[in-house]
Structure formats: structure tokens, C-alpha cells
Amino acid sequence: MVVDAHLHLNYRGLTPERLVAYLDREGIEQGWTLTWEELQPSRNEVLALPVEEVLAAHARYPTRIIPFYAPDPRRPDAAARLTELHEKGIRGCGELKVTLRWDEAPVGELLRAAESLNMPVVFHMEEARSAYAPISDSRVERWIAKALNSDRFLGLPRRGVTTLQFIHPGWRRRIAEMQYRFPGYLLDFAALEERLREFPRLRFVGHGPGFWKGISGRAANERGTHPRTRVAPGGIVDRLLSEYDNLFADLSGRSGYNALARDLRHARQFLERHDRKLLFGTDNFALGLRRLIGTVELPADRLTRIMGTNAHEVLTGVRRD
């Protein structure tokens, strides 16, 4: 059994038909299909991924598409909405990706609702930082914003793009106007740990650059959202996965891929150590994660767990021994 535990409809061109075609082509039995709902984004770059599209796709492909939904916890009816849609077929709460902190009351209320419904929660962590957003419909502005928000873009380091303001002085003021302070998603690890203690029966699934940067013990001193340096021992993610039975993690997106690819020697040890806690997933990024995991040459039983069994157990709450 192979499960892709992190997918989105209508993101990076993935229609329901293309999603199922991808599952068929790769020999994947099911795909967790997640939403993104944020009512008060820090800027207008939030991509709406509504639950209605997920439910419609699930109705067409009920055995292949596993529907998830995470309401913005700031909705007055967030818990009631999650309960209502659970009755309509939603199997998990995700992707929880909002500019709130773990210790804020609305987050706790949503976690309590998910726990009562026996739903896993897939969450996205991302550090606060200076970020850039286009202030017009200019294609050039969109290109520059994307480049400045990335560690690398089109093979160039970010600092190479910043020289634009010196090569073309007219862009200096425009880039300054595009800059804003991104407050981060679901900070911080200390508050996450408190939630893990508070909800021991709730299955948490970590994801995102802020989460996976914590694989290294030097995370606080590493620059960029996807560090390329070797992984230092003592990472907070390693400790939390070891100490809390209710914390899992998906390897999706650039962040999950990079957490392994940046240090293959550490990757093998990490995958072996947490083979009952890690879930294969792509987040619609065709980076070759499955091939990368294959190069580590895990024993077959460990590989089977990461590629699908763990996802089944997290979804159902029933462990296969």
C-alpha cells in the first residue's frame, strides 16, 4: 500500500483527473487531499483551496481521494464547521496553515474539535521573516517577489536577485514597497510541545519549512528556509518525534525533501529511527522524493511503513502490528 499523504487540488495544475492519473501512474492507492483556508492573511498571496472542490472530487473518486479540511480557527463556527463536514465525509483536519501561534485560544478550540472527531491534524509551520509581494499585476513584480521569497530561484542565489536594485536603481523603491513582515505560521516549537502534551490522543502531522528546519540542532543559526548544510545532531524535530507518540511528520514539499537531501547519511539514520512516524507525501512537487527515499536502501518493512502503512494508521487511529 502506497499513500501520498499531502496533495492539493487545483494547485500547480493538479485537477481531479490529473490527480488520479498521477496516482495510477505511480502505483499509489490513495491521496490525502488537503485544503487551505486563511481568513486574515498577512498579504494577498494566500491561495484559496476550498473544501467544496475536495468533496466534489471525493464524490467522483471515493476510494482514491481522501478528503481533508482545516477551517481557519478564527472562524466563529470553526469547530461546528469541522463537525458538519466530517459528517459529509471529511476524514482529517488539514492543512492547518494560518498566521496564528500554537498557544492562541482559537487553535486550541479547533484541536479539541478534531480530537473529539478522531481526526488527525496536518499542520504547516513557517518562520517569521521579511517577505515580498507584488503591489501590482506586473509579471516582472511577480517574478521578483518569487525570487526574493526563495533561497534560490532559477538556479540563482537570492542575493543575486537583490542586486537588481543596484543594477537598475529604479527598482530600489519598488522592492522596498513590496517588502512586508510575514508573521509566520503556527509558531513555535515550545508551544507545539505544550499542545502535544495537552492533546495526547490527537494525532499531529508536522509539515512545512519551519517544521523541517528543526531537523537540525543548528537550526537557529542556519539561514534561509531550506538550509543546505549538513544536519547537526540534537534537532527539536528528532526529539519531539522520539518523545511524543502523537506526533508524526510528512516528508512532502521542498522542505521535507530538503530535510533528507541535504544530508543523506543523516537521512538514513533519521528514516530508520522514525520509520513508524514518517509519511510519504509530495505537496504537488515532483522532486523525486520516492526515488530519494529509495537510494537510502531501507529494509523492506521500514520502507513499507513510510510509504503507506503509517498514513493508514494515522488516518484510522489503529496501528497495524
Foldseek 3Di string as FASTA:
>chain_A
DFEAEAAEDPDPPHHLVNVVVVCVVVVHFAYEYEFDEEDDFPDDPDDGRDQVRLLVSCVVVVRHYAYEAAYALPPPCRLVVRVVVVVVRHQAHDDHWYLDALPDPSNVVNLVSCLVVLHAYEYAWDAKDKAFDQPDPDPVRRQLRVLCQACHDPRHGSVVSVCCCVVPVVCPVRRVVRIDIRNITHDDLVSVVVVCVVRLSHAYEYDYLRLLCQQAPCSVVADGSQGLAAGHPDGPNLVCLVPHPRYAYELEDPSSQSSCVSHVVVNLVSLVVNLLRYEYHYHPPPPCSVVSVVVSPDPPVSNVNRRPQSVVCSSVVDHDD
